[in-house]
Amino acid sequence: MVKIGIRLFPRVNCRQIVLTLPEQLLIPFHNHSNQKPLYSGLMVLVEACLSELI
């Protein structure tokens, strides 16, 4: 738990976030030939957006 605690934002009680893709992106993401960098890039952007929001 210590390792997890280091990565959490102070005074933020929520530790889970559900991400959904817009319907227009579901099929392109699903059919992409190399999904790993696609989803990795998405997670980087999501983290940046959430960090700015918090």
C-alpha atoms as a PDB file:
ATOM      1  CA  MET A   1       0.000   0.000   0.000  1.00  0.00           C
ATOM      2  CA  VAL A   2       2.909   2.375   0.557  1.00  0.00           C
ATOM      3  CA  LYS A   3       3.837   2.251  -3.142  1.00  0.00           C
ATOM      4  CA  ILE A   4       0.253   3.064  -4.092  1.00  0.00           C
ATOM      5  CA  GLY A   5       0.041   5.863  -1.513  1.00  0.00           C
ATOM      6  CA  ILE A   6       3.066   7.594  -3.030  1.00  0.00           C
ATOM      7  CA  ARG A   7       1.322   7.807  -6.416  1.00  0.00           C
ATOM      8  CA  LEU A   8      -1.989   9.210  -5.121  1.00  0.00           C
ATOM      9  CA  PHE A   9      -2.842  12.875  -5.114  1.00  0.00           C
ATOM     10  CA  PRO A  10      -3.158  14.462  -1.661  1.00  0.00           C
ATOM     11  CA  ARG A  11      -6.734  14.822  -0.366  1.00  0.00           C
ATOM     12  CA  VAL A  12      -8.197  12.796  -3.267  1.00  0.00           C
ATOM     13  CA  ASN A  13     -10.418  10.032  -1.954  1.00  0.00           C
ATOM     14  CA  CYS A  14     -11.417   8.482  -5.285  1.00  0.00           C
ATOM     15  CA  ARG A  15      -8.934   5.967  -6.639  1.00  0.00           C
ATOM     16  CA  GLN A  16     -10.901   4.591  -9.577  1.00  0.00           C
ATOM     17  CA  ILE A  17     -11.923   6.292 -12.759  1.00  0.00           C
ATOM     18  CA  VAL A  18     -13.933   4.751 -15.570  1.00  0.00           C
ATOM     19  CA  LEU A  19     -12.969   5.831 -19.056  1.00  0.00           C
ATOM     20  CA  THR A  20     -15.217   5.419 -22.048  1.00  0.00           C
ATOM     21  CA  LEU A  21     -14.479   6.041 -25.676  1.00  0.00           C
ATOM     22  CA  PRO A  22     -16.934   7.931 -27.830  1.00  0.00           C
ATOM     23  CA  GLU A  23     -18.888   5.637 -30.126  1.00  0.00           C
ATOM     24  CA  GLN A  24     -17.014   7.048 -33.141  1.00  0.00           C
ATOM     25  CA  LEU A  25     -13.713   5.701 -31.740  1.00  0.00           C
ATOM     26  CA  LEU A  26     -14.806   2.239 -30.596  1.00  0.00           C
ATOM     27  CA  ILE A  27     -14.416   0.480 -33.948  1.00  0.00           C
ATOM     28  CA  PRO A  28     -11.180   2.253 -34.991  1.00  0.00           C
ATOM     29  CA  PHE A  29      -9.590   1.439 -31.621  1.00  0.00           C
ATOM     30  CA  HIS A  30     -10.834  -2.155 -31.715  1.00  0.00           C
ATOM     31  CA  ASN A  31      -9.690  -2.751 -35.305  1.00  0.00           C
ATOM     32  CA  HIS A  32      -6.339  -0.977 -35.033  1.00  0.00           C
ATOM     33  CA  SER A  33      -3.478  -3.269 -36.043  1.00  0.00           C
ATOM     34  CA  ASN A  34      -1.260  -2.166 -33.146  1.00  0.00           C
ATOM     35  CA  GLN A  35      -3.471  -1.347 -30.172  1.00  0.00           C
ATOM     36  CA  LYS A  36      -0.776  -1.108 -27.497  1.00  0.00           C
ATOM     37  CA  PRO A  37       0.693   2.289 -28.526  1.00  0.00           C
ATOM     38  CA  LEU A  38      -2.783   3.575 -29.311  1.00  0.00           C
ATOM     39  CA  TYR A  39      -4.094   2.835 -25.818  1.00  0.00           C
ATOM     40  CA  SER A  40      -0.798   3.850 -24.190  1.00  0.00           C
ATOM     41  CA  GLY A  41      -1.018   7.250 -25.857  1.00  0.00           C
ATOM     42  CA  LEU A  42      -4.624   7.583 -24.740  1.00  0.00           C
ATOM     43  CA  MET A  43      -3.640   6.826 -21.129  1.00  0.00           C
ATOM     44  CA  VAL A  44      -0.873   9.450 -21.247  1.00  0.00           C
ATOM     45  CA  LEU A  45      -3.388  12.042 -22.418  1.00  0.00           C
ATOM     46  CA  VAL A  46      -5.948  10.973 -19.816  1.00  0.00           C
ATOM     47  CA  GLU A  47      -3.353  11.219 -17.045  1.00  0.00           C
ATOM     48  CA  ALA A  48      -2.346  14.718 -18.187  1.00  0.00           C
ATOM     49  CA  CYS A  49      -5.982  15.848 -18.313  1.00  0.00           C
ATOM     50  CA  LEU A  50      -6.796  14.423 -14.892  1.00  0.00           C
ATOM     51  CA  SER A  51      -3.618  15.872 -13.362  1.00  0.00           C
ATOM     52  CA  GLU A  52      -4.542  19.302 -14.658  1.00  0.00           C
ATOM     53  CA  LEU A  53      -8.098  18.925 -13.428  1.00  0.00           C
ATOM     54  CA  ILE A  54      -7.044  17.833  -9.957  1.00  0.00           C
END
